[in-house]
Amino acid sequence: MKILITDGLAKQGLELLKAAEGVEVDERKGISPDELVDIVKDYEGLVVRSATKVTKEVIEASGGRLRIIGRAGIGIDNIDLDAATRNGVAVMNTPESNSITTAEHTITLLLSLARRIPQAHSSIKSGKWERNKYKGVEVYGKTIGLVGLGNIGKLVAERAMGLKMKAIAYDPYLSKEAAKKLSIELVSLDELFRSSDVITVHTPLTDETRDLIDSESFGKMKEGVIVINCARGGIVNEADMAEALREGRVGGAAFDVYTSEPIDPENPVLSVDENIVLTPHLGASTEEAQIKVGTTMAEQLIDFAQKGVVRNAVNMPSLTTEQLAVMKPYMSICEKIGSLHGQLCKGAVRTVEVTYEGEAAEVDCSYLTVSVLKGFLSHIMDISVTYVNAPSIAEERKIKVVESKSASMSQYTNLITVTVATREATNEISGSVFGGNHGRIVKVNGVEIDVVPEGFLLVSHNYDRPGFIGSMCSVLGKNGVNIGRMHLGRKSAGGEAIVFTNVDTEVSEEVIREISAIENIISVTQVSFSDE
């Protein structure tokens, strides 16, 4: 198998590939987009980092020869996943290769803040000797609060406890039993704010986590608290943080990630000189992490070349092209049902039950169940969730996964029902594939509905009273939000109803709040299928 490497790879990884039987490697660093389009047809494998853009044109220019794209790292924004999937090209990354490095960077920032290392360094370099000015604090005996207890969060907790800190965590999707095994107390977000001397963030950036830590949050925290964000820019409101630092409400802050990168010269955190540490997204930037990324990618490519095994796939499991043609529509609707559950779910998850009926029960449902888990977990984890690691993440988080089949025919030729049970509630969503490849959401908690799961949607629960739909449409129209489709369902006249509204653009928080104030509204949640 001929493999083209365009952005370089650690020499240890290159040595593995060059020594592997049945593998031929070419390096073309700095190749232009046009050159890549010209030569990609000569290769079965392509390995990139972040510089090379693997576009639809590149993938289609391979003429069907390209079989695997390897992203040496986590982010896959530079790869057209839809084009890869449509052309039967597997895409894989190395999602856990930099977890330790990111966790260590978090601890590094903590200690730098606690002892004010950067400021003291700058002071002494300028010829000063200000021992009294840069008096620090110990972390020994302090409480660290982790917002999110995924893979990186757990590693940070382990290292903090090694420094004799007490660890508490907020993670609404993790059971208390799973946290207890890690010797970590699970608490509410408000309790974490009140009790923590140090707060670190380890969640993905979603509508729920955007500005999760802001001026209101600072009012609930201990005076002198330290806040660290090595997860995603936008989870901590940067303007509010700058103000809180200047006013002394927050004792110290560290950012490795920002709302826009490279950092905007007007970013408010740049105006703060004391009690802040800023690094340019260095979480994964260590020699060891780069070696691990390189060797892991090499091992995955060798497995694919010699055994046909795809590890850490982000767009498909290990399937032949013929199998994928049959499975893909079912996998797509399963992932979207899981995604909808993940965006609507509240509380620690106990079970995920998937039931297949009709034609959906006749295929290999193990891949479909993994698709459900991938869609669900992608919205609650701080690491990349793939078809490969989704089952192990669910097991690690003590989520019981139940799969069942029924050949009986209902009004649908195929029906997939996913039931998610938390401590607080049980919710059921069903989907079906029509015409061979068109997926629809057809039931929500027993209410018949017909939803196209794509783009941005508003999911509103309301009392079935005259005027509600008109009021919501008026709010959207007044704010320049165009409605693409609207799907309504109810169990009985006058009772509770559900409305799915496809909109052309993301709806702002201000508009969401305005809709929430409409008479007879129970709740409204924005969900997105834009990345599915």
Foldseek 3Di string as FASTA:
>chain_A
DEEEEADDAPVLLVVLQVPFPQYHYDYHYPDDPVVLLVCLLVDQEYEYEPPAQADLSNLVSVVLNHAEYEYLEADDPSHDLVSCLVSNHWYFYDFCLLLLLLLVVQVVQVVCLQQVVVVCVVQVVVPDDCPPVRHGHQQAAFEEEEEACFSSNLSNVVVSVVSNYAYEYEAQAFDQVLCVVSVYHYDHPLVSQDRGLEYEYQWADDPCQFCCDFLVSLVSHDQQHEYEYLFEARSHDQQRVLVCCVVRSYNAYEYQYHPDPPDDPPRSVVVDDPRYYYHPNCSRPDPSSSNSSSNVSSVQVSCCSPPVAHPRTANAHSDDPVLCLQCVLLLVLLLLVLLVCQQPDGGHWAEKEKEKEAPRQVHDCLLSLLSSQQSNVCNRGRIRRGSRCSVVSCVSSNYHYHYYYYHDDDPANIKMKIWIDHPVDIKIWMWHAPPSHQIFTQDIRRWGKTHRAAFKKKKWKFFQDPPLVVVLVVLCVVVPKAWDDKMKTDDDHRGMIIMITHIDDDDDPVSLVVSCPDPGTDHMGMGHPHPD
